[in-house]
N, C-alpha and C. Protein backbone atom coordinates (compact mmCIF):
# COMPACT_ATOMS: atom_id res chain seq x y z
N PRO A 1 79.69 108.59 93.21
CA PRO A 1 81.03 108.93 93.70
C PRO A 1 80.99 110.10 94.68
N GLN A 2 81.87 110.03 95.64
CA GLN A 2 82.00 111.07 96.65
C GLN A 2 83.21 111.94 96.32
N PHE A 3 83.00 113.23 96.17
CA PHE A 3 84.12 114.13 95.89
C PHE A 3 84.34 115.10 97.03
N GLY A 4 83.96 114.73 98.27
CA GLY A 4 84.10 115.60 99.43
C GLY A 4 85.47 115.52 100.06
N ALA A 5 85.50 115.82 101.36
CA ALA A 5 86.75 115.85 102.12
C ALA A 5 87.45 114.49 102.11
N GLY A 6 86.68 113.40 102.17
CA GLY A 6 87.27 112.07 102.15
C GLY A 6 88.04 111.81 100.87
N ALA A 7 87.48 112.24 99.75
CA ALA A 7 88.15 112.05 98.46
C ALA A 7 89.41 112.89 98.39
N ILE A 8 89.37 114.07 98.93
CA ILE A 8 90.55 114.93 98.94
C ILE A 8 91.65 114.29 99.78
N ARG A 9 91.27 113.77 100.95
CA ARG A 9 92.24 113.12 101.84
C ARG A 9 92.85 111.89 101.16
N LEU A 10 92.02 111.04 100.58
CA LEU A 10 92.52 109.84 99.91
C LEU A 10 93.41 110.18 98.73
N THR A 11 93.01 111.15 97.96
CA THR A 11 93.80 111.54 96.79
C THR A 11 95.15 112.09 97.23
N ALA A 12 95.13 112.94 98.25
CA ALA A 12 96.38 113.55 98.73
C ALA A 12 97.29 112.51 99.39
N SER A 13 96.72 111.44 99.92
CA SER A 13 97.50 110.42 100.63
C SER A 13 97.70 109.14 99.82
N ARG A 14 97.49 109.21 98.52
CA ARG A 14 97.55 107.98 97.71
C ARG A 14 98.89 107.26 97.84
N THR A 15 99.98 107.98 97.99
CA THR A 15 101.29 107.34 98.13
C THR A 15 101.33 106.50 99.39
N ARG A 16 100.76 107.01 100.47
CA ARG A 16 100.73 106.27 101.73
C ARG A 16 99.96 104.97 101.57
N TYR A 17 98.78 105.05 101.00
CA TYR A 17 97.94 103.85 100.86
C TYR A 17 98.55 102.86 99.87
N ARG A 18 99.10 103.35 98.79
CA ARG A 18 99.77 102.47 97.85
C ARG A 18 101.02 101.87 98.47
N GLY A 19 101.60 102.62 99.39
CA GLY A 19 102.80 102.15 100.08
C GLY A 19 102.56 100.89 100.87
N ALA A 20 101.38 100.73 101.45
CA ALA A 20 101.06 99.52 102.20
C ALA A 20 101.09 98.30 101.28
N TYR A 21 100.59 98.48 100.07
CA TYR A 21 100.62 97.40 99.07
C TYR A 21 102.06 97.06 98.72
N ARG A 22 102.85 98.08 98.42
CA ARG A 22 104.26 97.85 98.08
C ARG A 22 105.01 97.21 99.24
N ALA A 23 104.73 97.69 100.46
CA ALA A 23 105.41 97.14 101.64
C ALA A 23 105.08 95.66 101.81
N GLY A 24 103.82 95.30 101.63
CA GLY A 24 103.44 93.90 101.77
C GLY A 24 104.17 93.00 100.78
N LEU A 25 104.25 93.44 99.54
CA LEU A 25 104.95 92.65 98.53
C LEU A 25 106.45 92.59 98.82
N TYR A 26 107.03 93.72 99.19
CA TYR A 26 108.46 93.82 99.49
C TYR A 26 108.83 92.89 100.65
N LEU A 27 108.07 92.98 101.75
CA LEU A 27 108.39 92.18 102.93
C LEU A 27 108.20 90.69 102.65
N ALA A 28 107.12 90.34 101.98
CA ALA A 28 106.88 88.93 101.66
C ALA A 28 108.00 88.36 100.78
N SER A 29 108.50 89.16 99.85
CA SER A 29 109.57 88.68 98.97
C SER A 29 110.88 88.44 99.73
N ARG A 30 110.99 89.00 100.92
CA ARG A 30 112.18 88.82 101.75
C ARG A 30 111.94 87.84 102.90
N GLY A 31 110.81 87.15 102.86
CA GLY A 31 110.51 86.15 103.87
C GLY A 31 110.10 86.72 105.22
N ILE A 32 109.67 87.96 105.23
CA ILE A 32 109.25 88.61 106.47
C ILE A 32 107.75 88.38 106.63
N GLY A 33 107.34 88.00 107.82
CA GLY A 33 105.95 87.62 108.08
C GLY A 33 104.95 88.75 107.92
N VAL A 34 104.17 88.68 106.87
CA VAL A 34 103.06 89.60 106.62
C VAL A 34 101.93 88.76 106.01
N PRO A 35 100.69 89.26 106.07
CA PRO A 35 99.62 88.55 105.37
C PRO A 35 99.91 88.55 103.86
N SER A 36 99.47 87.52 103.17
CA SER A 36 99.61 87.50 101.71
C SER A 36 98.78 88.63 101.12
N ILE A 37 99.37 89.36 100.20
CA ILE A 37 98.70 90.49 99.57
C ILE A 37 98.07 90.02 98.26
N ALA A 38 96.76 90.22 98.13
CA ALA A 38 96.07 89.82 96.91
C ALA A 38 95.96 90.96 95.92
N GLY A 39 95.92 92.19 96.41
CA GLY A 39 95.81 93.31 95.49
C GLY A 39 95.49 94.61 96.19
N TYR A 40 95.50 95.66 95.41
CA TYR A 40 95.16 97.00 95.89
C TYR A 40 94.22 97.61 94.87
N ILE A 41 93.11 98.17 95.33
CA ILE A 41 92.10 98.70 94.44
C ILE A 41 91.81 100.16 94.80
N GLU A 42 91.70 101.00 93.80
CA GLU A 42 91.27 102.38 94.00
C GLU A 42 90.05 102.64 93.12
N TRP A 43 89.07 103.31 93.69
CA TRP A 43 87.91 103.75 92.93
C TRP A 43 88.02 105.26 92.80
N GLY A 44 87.84 105.77 91.61
CA GLY A 44 87.92 107.21 91.40
C GLY A 44 87.73 107.56 89.95
N ALA A 45 87.92 108.84 89.70
CA ALA A 45 87.80 109.35 88.33
C ALA A 45 88.59 110.63 88.23
N ALA A 46 89.09 110.89 87.04
CA ALA A 46 89.82 112.13 86.75
C ALA A 46 90.95 112.40 87.75
N GLY A 47 91.60 111.32 88.19
CA GLY A 47 92.73 111.46 89.11
C GLY A 47 92.35 111.55 90.57
N ALA A 48 91.08 111.68 90.89
CA ALA A 48 90.63 111.74 92.27
C ALA A 48 90.24 110.34 92.74
N ILE A 49 90.51 110.04 94.00
CA ILE A 49 90.19 108.75 94.59
C ILE A 49 89.13 108.98 95.65
N TRP A 50 88.05 108.21 95.62
CA TRP A 50 87.07 108.35 96.69
C TRP A 50 86.97 107.12 97.57
N ARG A 51 87.67 106.04 97.16
CA ARG A 51 87.68 104.84 97.96
C ARG A 51 88.86 103.99 97.55
N ASN A 52 89.42 103.24 98.51
CA ASN A 52 90.49 102.31 98.18
C ASN A 52 90.41 101.09 99.10
N ALA A 53 91.11 100.05 98.73
CA ALA A 53 91.12 98.83 99.54
C ALA A 53 92.41 98.06 99.28
N LEU A 54 93.03 97.64 100.35
CA LEU A 54 94.16 96.71 100.28
C LEU A 54 93.57 95.34 100.59
N VAL A 55 93.68 94.42 99.66
CA VAL A 55 93.09 93.09 99.82
C VAL A 55 94.20 92.14 100.24
N MET A 56 94.03 91.56 101.43
CA MET A 56 95.05 90.65 101.94
C MET A 56 94.43 89.46 102.66
N GLN A 57 95.27 88.50 102.93
CA GLN A 57 94.89 87.25 103.57
C GLN A 57 94.32 87.50 104.97
N HIS A 58 93.27 86.75 105.32
CA HIS A 58 92.77 86.73 106.69
C HIS A 58 93.69 85.79 107.47
N LEU A 59 94.18 86.23 108.60
CA LEU A 59 95.14 85.43 109.38
C LEU A 59 94.40 84.60 110.42
N GLU A 60 93.87 83.50 109.99
CA GLU A 60 93.11 82.59 110.86
C GLU A 60 93.99 82.06 111.99
N GLY A 61 93.50 82.17 113.21
CA GLY A 61 94.22 81.63 114.36
C GLY A 61 95.29 82.55 114.93
N PHE A 62 95.49 83.71 114.35
CA PHE A 62 96.48 84.66 114.85
C PHE A 62 95.83 85.60 115.86
N VAL A 63 96.59 85.98 116.87
CA VAL A 63 96.11 86.91 117.90
C VAL A 63 97.18 87.98 118.13
N PRO A 64 96.81 89.14 118.67
CA PRO A 64 97.83 90.13 119.02
C PRO A 64 98.83 89.55 120.02
N ILE A 65 100.07 89.98 119.96
CA ILE A 65 101.11 89.41 120.82
C ILE A 65 100.78 89.54 122.30
N ARG A 66 100.10 90.59 122.70
CA ARG A 66 99.73 90.74 124.11
C ARG A 66 98.77 89.63 124.54
N GLU A 67 97.82 89.32 123.69
CA GLU A 67 96.86 88.27 124.01
C GLU A 67 97.58 86.93 124.19
N TYR A 68 98.54 86.66 123.33
CA TYR A 68 99.31 85.42 123.47
C TYR A 68 100.12 85.44 124.77
N ALA A 69 100.71 86.58 125.09
CA ALA A 69 101.49 86.69 126.33
C ALA A 69 100.61 86.41 127.55
N LEU A 70 99.38 86.89 127.53
CA LEU A 70 98.46 86.63 128.63
C LEU A 70 98.13 85.14 128.72
N GLU A 71 98.03 84.48 127.57
CA GLU A 71 97.75 83.04 127.54
C GLU A 71 98.86 82.23 128.20
N ILE A 72 100.12 82.56 127.91
CA ILE A 72 101.23 81.75 128.44
C ILE A 72 101.66 82.21 129.83
N GLY A 73 101.32 83.44 130.20
CA GLY A 73 101.58 83.92 131.55
C GLY A 73 103.00 83.69 132.03
N GLY A 74 103.12 83.00 133.17
CA GLY A 74 104.42 82.81 133.80
C GLY A 74 105.23 81.63 133.32
N ASN A 75 104.80 80.97 132.27
CA ASN A 75 105.55 79.84 131.73
C ASN A 75 106.86 80.36 131.11
N GLY A 76 107.94 80.23 131.86
CA GLY A 76 109.22 80.80 131.45
C GLY A 76 109.77 80.23 130.16
N VAL A 77 109.59 78.93 129.94
CA VAL A 77 110.09 78.30 128.72
C VAL A 77 109.34 78.84 127.51
N ALA A 78 108.00 78.88 127.60
CA ALA A 78 107.19 79.40 126.49
C ALA A 78 107.48 80.88 126.26
N ARG A 79 107.62 81.63 127.34
CA ARG A 79 107.93 83.07 127.22
C ARG A 79 109.26 83.27 126.51
N GLY A 80 110.28 82.54 126.93
CA GLY A 80 111.60 82.68 126.32
C GLY A 80 111.59 82.37 124.84
N ALA A 81 110.92 81.28 124.48
CA ALA A 81 110.84 80.89 123.06
C ALA A 81 110.08 81.93 122.26
N PHE A 82 108.98 82.42 122.82
CA PHE A 82 108.17 83.42 122.14
C PHE A 82 108.94 84.73 121.95
N LEU A 83 109.59 85.21 123.00
CA LEU A 83 110.33 86.47 122.89
C LEU A 83 111.51 86.34 121.93
N ASP A 84 112.14 85.17 121.88
CA ASP A 84 113.22 84.93 120.90
C ASP A 84 112.66 84.99 119.48
N THR A 85 111.51 84.35 119.26
CA THR A 85 110.88 84.37 117.93
C THR A 85 110.48 85.78 117.54
N LEU A 86 109.92 86.52 118.49
CA LEU A 86 109.53 87.90 118.24
C LEU A 86 110.74 88.75 117.89
N ALA A 87 111.80 88.64 118.67
CA ALA A 87 113.02 89.41 118.40
C ALA A 87 113.59 89.05 117.03
N GLU A 88 113.63 87.78 116.71
CA GLU A 88 114.16 87.35 115.41
C GLU A 88 113.33 87.92 114.27
N SER A 89 112.01 87.97 114.44
CA SER A 89 111.14 88.53 113.41
C SER A 89 111.41 90.01 113.20
N VAL A 90 111.58 90.74 114.29
CA VAL A 90 111.87 92.18 114.18
C VAL A 90 113.24 92.39 113.55
N LEU A 91 114.23 91.59 113.94
CA LEU A 91 115.56 91.72 113.35
C LEU A 91 115.55 91.37 111.86
N THR A 92 114.72 90.42 111.46
CA THR A 92 114.57 90.09 110.04
C THR A 92 113.97 91.27 109.29
N LEU A 93 113.03 91.94 109.91
CA LEU A 93 112.45 93.16 109.33
C LEU A 93 113.56 94.19 109.10
N TYR A 94 114.39 94.40 110.12
CA TYR A 94 115.49 95.36 110.00
C TYR A 94 116.49 94.94 108.92
N SER A 95 116.83 93.65 108.89
CA SER A 95 117.82 93.21 107.90
C SER A 95 117.28 93.32 106.48
N GLY A 96 115.96 93.35 106.35
CA GLY A 96 115.33 93.57 105.06
C GLY A 96 115.24 95.05 104.71
N ARG A 97 115.92 95.87 105.48
CA ARG A 97 115.95 97.34 105.30
C ARG A 97 114.54 97.93 105.32
N ALA A 98 113.78 97.44 106.31
CA ALA A 98 112.42 97.96 106.50
C ALA A 98 112.26 98.34 107.96
N TYR A 99 111.45 99.34 108.20
CA TYR A 99 111.18 99.81 109.55
C TYR A 99 109.67 99.97 109.71
N HIS A 100 109.13 99.36 110.74
CA HIS A 100 107.70 99.48 111.06
C HIS A 100 107.60 100.47 112.21
N SER A 101 106.98 101.60 111.97
CA SER A 101 106.96 102.66 112.98
C SER A 101 105.89 102.46 114.05
N ASP A 102 105.11 101.38 113.98
CA ASP A 102 104.07 101.15 114.98
C ASP A 102 103.97 99.67 115.33
N LEU A 103 104.89 99.21 116.16
CA LEU A 103 104.88 97.81 116.59
C LEU A 103 104.05 97.64 117.86
N ALA A 104 102.94 98.33 117.94
CA ALA A 104 102.01 98.13 119.05
C ALA A 104 101.48 96.70 118.96
N SER A 105 101.03 96.18 120.08
CA SER A 105 100.56 94.79 120.15
C SER A 105 99.54 94.46 119.07
N LYS A 106 98.65 95.39 118.76
CA LYS A 106 97.60 95.13 117.76
C LYS A 106 98.15 94.98 116.35
N ASN A 107 99.39 95.41 116.12
CA ASN A 107 99.99 95.36 114.79
C ASN A 107 101.01 94.24 114.62
N VAL A 108 101.18 93.44 115.66
CA VAL A 108 102.08 92.29 115.60
C VAL A 108 101.27 91.10 116.10
N LEU A 109 101.03 90.16 115.20
CA LEU A 109 100.18 89.02 115.52
C LEU A 109 101.00 87.74 115.56
N THR A 110 100.51 86.77 116.33
CA THR A 110 101.19 85.48 116.39
C THR A 110 100.18 84.34 116.42
N ARG A 111 100.65 83.22 115.94
CA ARG A 111 99.88 81.97 116.06
C ARG A 111 100.76 81.04 116.88
N ASN A 112 100.33 80.76 118.10
CA ASN A 112 101.04 79.86 119.02
C ASN A 112 102.46 80.32 119.36
N GLY A 113 102.74 81.61 119.21
CA GLY A 113 104.05 82.14 119.58
C GLY A 113 105.18 81.80 118.64
N ALA A 114 104.91 80.97 117.65
CA ALA A 114 105.98 80.52 116.76
C ALA A 114 105.94 81.19 115.40
N ASP A 115 104.84 81.77 115.04
CA ASP A 115 104.68 82.41 113.73
C ASP A 115 104.26 83.85 113.98
N ILE A 116 105.08 84.80 113.56
CA ILE A 116 104.84 86.22 113.78
C ILE A 116 104.49 86.88 112.46
N ARG A 117 103.46 87.73 112.45
CA ARG A 117 103.07 88.49 111.27
C ARG A 117 102.89 89.96 111.64
N PHE A 118 103.39 90.82 110.78
CA PHE A 118 103.24 92.27 110.96
C PHE A 118 102.07 92.74 110.10
N ILE A 119 101.23 93.59 110.68
CA ILE A 119 100.14 94.21 109.92
C ILE A 119 100.26 95.72 110.06
N ASP A 120 99.27 96.47 109.61
CA ASP A 120 99.31 97.94 109.52
C ASP A 120 100.51 98.34 108.66
N LEU A 121 100.50 97.84 107.45
CA LEU A 121 101.64 98.01 106.55
C LEU A 121 101.82 99.45 106.07
N GLU A 122 100.84 100.31 106.34
CA GLU A 122 101.01 101.73 106.02
C GLU A 122 102.11 102.36 106.87
N ALA A 123 102.44 101.72 108.00
CA ALA A 123 103.46 102.25 108.90
C ALA A 123 104.87 101.73 108.57
N VAL A 124 105.00 100.99 107.47
CA VAL A 124 106.30 100.44 107.10
C VAL A 124 107.03 101.39 106.15
N ARG A 125 108.29 101.63 106.46
CA ARG A 125 109.15 102.41 105.58
C ARG A 125 110.16 101.46 104.96
N LEU A 126 110.24 101.48 103.64
CA LEU A 126 111.13 100.58 102.91
C LEU A 126 112.47 101.23 102.62
N GLU A 127 113.47 100.40 102.43
CA GLU A 127 114.84 100.87 102.16
C GLU A 127 115.26 101.89 103.22
N HIS A 128 114.92 101.56 104.45
CA HIS A 128 115.14 102.48 105.57
C HIS A 128 116.48 102.20 106.23
N VAL A 129 117.23 103.23 106.49
CA VAL A 129 118.47 103.11 107.25
C VAL A 129 118.10 103.27 108.73
N MET A 130 118.28 102.21 109.48
CA MET A 130 117.89 102.21 110.90
C MET A 130 118.73 103.19 111.70
N ARG A 131 118.05 103.92 112.55
CA ARG A 131 118.71 104.80 113.52
C ARG A 131 118.44 104.25 114.91
N ASP A 132 119.25 104.64 115.85
CA ASP A 132 119.06 104.19 117.22
C ASP A 132 117.69 104.59 117.75
N THR A 133 117.21 105.76 117.37
CA THR A 133 115.90 106.22 117.83
C THR A 133 114.78 105.31 117.29
N ASP A 134 114.94 104.78 116.09
CA ASP A 134 113.97 103.84 115.53
C ASP A 134 113.93 102.55 116.35
N ARG A 135 115.11 102.02 116.63
CA ARG A 135 115.20 100.79 117.43
C ARG A 135 114.58 100.99 118.81
N LEU A 136 114.94 102.11 119.43
CA LEU A 136 114.43 102.37 120.77
C LEU A 136 112.90 102.49 120.75
N ARG A 137 112.38 103.18 119.77
CA ARG A 137 110.92 103.31 119.64
C ARG A 137 110.26 101.94 119.53
N ASN A 138 110.81 101.06 118.69
CA ASN A 138 110.24 99.72 118.54
C ASN A 138 110.34 98.92 119.83
N ILE A 139 111.47 99.01 120.51
CA ILE A 139 111.63 98.28 121.77
C ILE A 139 110.57 98.74 122.77
N ILE A 140 110.38 100.05 122.90
CA ILE A 140 109.39 100.58 123.84
C ILE A 140 107.99 100.13 123.45
N GLN A 141 107.67 100.16 122.17
CA GLN A 141 106.35 99.71 121.71
C GLN A 141 106.12 98.24 122.09
N LEU A 142 107.11 97.42 121.90
CA LEU A 142 106.96 96.00 122.23
C LEU A 142 106.88 95.78 123.74
N LEU A 143 107.71 96.47 124.50
CA LEU A 143 107.65 96.35 125.96
C LEU A 143 106.28 96.75 126.49
N ASP A 144 105.67 97.72 125.85
CA ASP A 144 104.36 98.21 126.28
C ASP A 144 103.31 97.10 126.24
N ALA A 145 103.49 96.12 125.38
CA ALA A 145 102.54 95.01 125.30
C ALA A 145 102.68 94.06 126.49
N PHE A 146 103.84 94.06 127.14
CA PHE A 146 104.14 93.02 128.12
C PHE A 146 104.45 93.51 129.54
N TYR A 147 104.66 94.80 129.74
CA TYR A 147 105.22 95.29 131.00
C TYR A 147 104.41 94.89 132.22
N ASP A 148 103.09 94.75 132.08
CA ASP A 148 102.26 94.39 133.23
C ASP A 148 102.01 92.88 133.33
N ILE A 149 102.63 92.12 132.44
CA ILE A 149 102.52 90.66 132.47
C ILE A 149 103.82 90.06 132.98
N TRP A 150 104.94 90.56 132.46
CA TRP A 150 106.25 90.04 132.83
C TRP A 150 107.10 91.17 133.38
N ASN A 151 108.01 90.85 134.28
CA ASN A 151 108.85 91.89 134.89
C ASN A 151 110.02 92.27 133.98
N GLU A 152 110.75 93.29 134.42
CA GLU A 152 111.86 93.81 133.63
C GLU A 152 112.91 92.74 133.35
N GLN A 153 113.18 91.91 134.33
CA GLN A 153 114.18 90.85 134.13
C GLN A 153 113.73 89.88 133.04
N ALA A 154 112.46 89.53 133.02
CA ALA A 154 111.94 88.62 132.01
C ALA A 154 112.02 89.23 130.62
N LEU A 155 111.92 90.55 130.55
CA LEU A 155 111.93 91.25 129.25
C LEU A 155 113.33 91.69 128.82
N SER A 156 114.31 91.53 129.69
CA SER A 156 115.66 92.02 129.38
C SER A 156 116.26 91.32 128.15
N GLY A 157 115.90 90.06 127.92
CA GLY A 157 116.42 89.35 126.75
C GLY A 157 115.92 89.96 125.45
N LEU A 158 114.67 90.41 125.45
CA LEU A 158 114.12 91.07 124.25
C LEU A 158 114.88 92.36 123.97
N ILE A 159 115.13 93.13 125.01
CA ILE A 159 115.89 94.37 124.84
C ILE A 159 117.29 94.04 124.32
N ALA A 160 117.91 93.04 124.91
CA ALA A 160 119.28 92.66 124.51
C ALA A 160 119.34 92.25 123.04
N ARG A 161 118.34 91.51 122.57
CA ARG A 161 118.34 91.06 121.19
C ARG A 161 118.13 92.21 120.20
N LEU A 162 117.35 93.22 120.59
CA LEU A 162 117.00 94.29 119.66
C LEU A 162 117.91 95.51 119.75
N ALA A 163 118.64 95.64 120.84
CA ALA A 163 119.57 96.77 120.99
C ALA A 163 120.76 96.58 120.05
N PRO A 164 121.37 97.67 119.60
CA PRO A 164 122.56 97.54 118.75
C PRO A 164 123.67 96.82 119.51
N PRO A 165 124.27 95.80 118.93
CA PRO A 165 125.27 95.00 119.65
C PRO A 165 126.52 95.77 120.03
N GLU A 166 126.80 96.85 119.34
CA GLU A 166 128.05 97.59 119.62
C GLU A 166 127.88 98.60 120.74
N GLN A 167 126.71 98.69 121.33
CA GLN A 167 126.47 99.67 122.39
C GLN A 167 126.20 98.96 123.71
N PRO A 168 126.50 99.61 124.83
CA PRO A 168 126.32 98.98 126.15
C PRO A 168 124.85 98.63 126.42
N LEU A 169 124.62 97.37 126.76
CA LEU A 169 123.26 96.89 127.00
C LEU A 169 122.61 97.62 128.17
N ALA A 170 123.36 97.87 129.22
CA ALA A 170 122.79 98.54 130.40
C ALA A 170 122.20 99.90 130.04
N VAL A 171 122.86 100.61 129.15
CA VAL A 171 122.36 101.92 128.70
C VAL A 171 121.04 101.74 127.97
N TRP A 172 120.98 100.74 127.09
CA TRP A 172 119.76 100.50 126.32
C TRP A 172 118.62 100.05 127.22
N GLN A 173 118.92 99.21 128.20
CA GLN A 173 117.87 98.78 129.12
C GLN A 173 117.31 99.98 129.88
N GLN A 174 118.19 100.86 130.32
CA GLN A 174 117.74 102.05 131.05
C GLN A 174 116.92 102.96 130.14
N MET A 175 117.38 103.20 128.92
CA MET A 175 116.62 104.06 127.99
C MET A 175 115.26 103.45 127.68
N ALA A 176 115.22 102.13 127.49
CA ALA A 176 113.96 101.46 127.15
C ALA A 176 112.97 101.55 128.31
N MET A 177 113.42 101.28 129.52
CA MET A 177 112.52 101.31 130.66
C MET A 177 112.07 102.75 130.98
N THR A 178 112.95 103.71 130.80
CA THR A 178 112.57 105.11 130.99
C THR A 178 111.55 105.53 129.94
N GLY A 179 111.79 105.15 128.69
CA GLY A 179 110.84 105.46 127.63
C GLY A 179 109.50 104.80 127.85
N LEU A 180 109.50 103.56 128.34
CA LEU A 180 108.26 102.86 128.64
C LEU A 180 107.50 103.58 129.75
N ALA A 181 108.20 103.99 130.79
CA ALA A 181 107.55 104.70 131.90
C ALA A 181 106.91 106.00 131.40
N ARG A 182 107.59 106.71 130.52
CA ARG A 182 107.03 107.94 129.96
C ARG A 182 105.77 107.64 129.12
N ARG A 183 105.84 106.58 128.35
CA ARG A 183 104.69 106.19 127.51
C ARG A 183 103.47 105.86 128.37
N ILE A 184 103.71 105.12 129.43
CA ILE A 184 102.61 104.75 130.34
C ILE A 184 102.05 106.00 131.02
N GLU A 185 102.93 106.86 131.48
CA GLU A 185 102.50 108.10 132.14
C GLU A 185 101.70 109.00 131.20
N SER A 186 102.11 109.07 129.94
CA SER A 186 101.38 109.94 129.00
C SER A 186 99.97 109.42 128.75
N ARG A 187 99.77 108.12 128.84
CA ARG A 187 98.42 107.55 128.67
C ARG A 187 97.53 107.88 129.86
N ARG A 188 98.13 108.02 131.01
CA ARG A 188 97.36 108.30 132.24
C ARG A 188 96.84 109.72 132.30
N ARG A 189 97.47 110.60 131.53
CA ARG A 189 97.06 112.02 131.56
C ARG A 189 95.80 112.25 130.80
C-alpha cells in the first residue's frame, strides 16, 4: 500500500470520486446518456485510500462530438439532426437537475450522431439549480468543439435551443460568441 501524497489526495477527495459513481447511477436512472456503471472500488486501510476505480461500460463505436462533426462536415441535414440531438441531450441533463461543468468535446461522445453519452462524471453536479452562467459555460464549451468546422449561422440553432427561452436570443448569441472568442484567445497565450 502507498500512504504518500497520492493517498492523501485520494482520501481528501473521496467525495469527488464517489460522486462520479453516484452521478452515473443518477443520470442513468433518468434516461440520460452515460456509460453503464458496473461499480466503484476503493483500496485502502484505516480510512485512507491509496487507489480507486470507477468501473463502467466501454462505449464501442462512440467518438468525441468534434470527431463526428469533422466526419459529416458540410452536410447540412446531418449537421442539423446531430445538433438537435446534442441540444436535446443537454436539455435532458438539465431537466434531470444535473449540471456537467465540462462539456468539452472529449467528454461528450456520440455514435453516428444519434446517440449521445456524457463521460467525466466527476464533473457532474446533482440536484443542481441551473444558473444562466452555467448554461452559458456549457454553450461555449460545445461551440468550442465546432467553431472551426461550422460557421456562426450553422451553430445558431444550438445556441437557440440551449439558451433560456425567456431571454432574448440575440443577447445569448452575442454572449456565447464573445465567450468563445475569449476562450480561443486564452489558449493562444
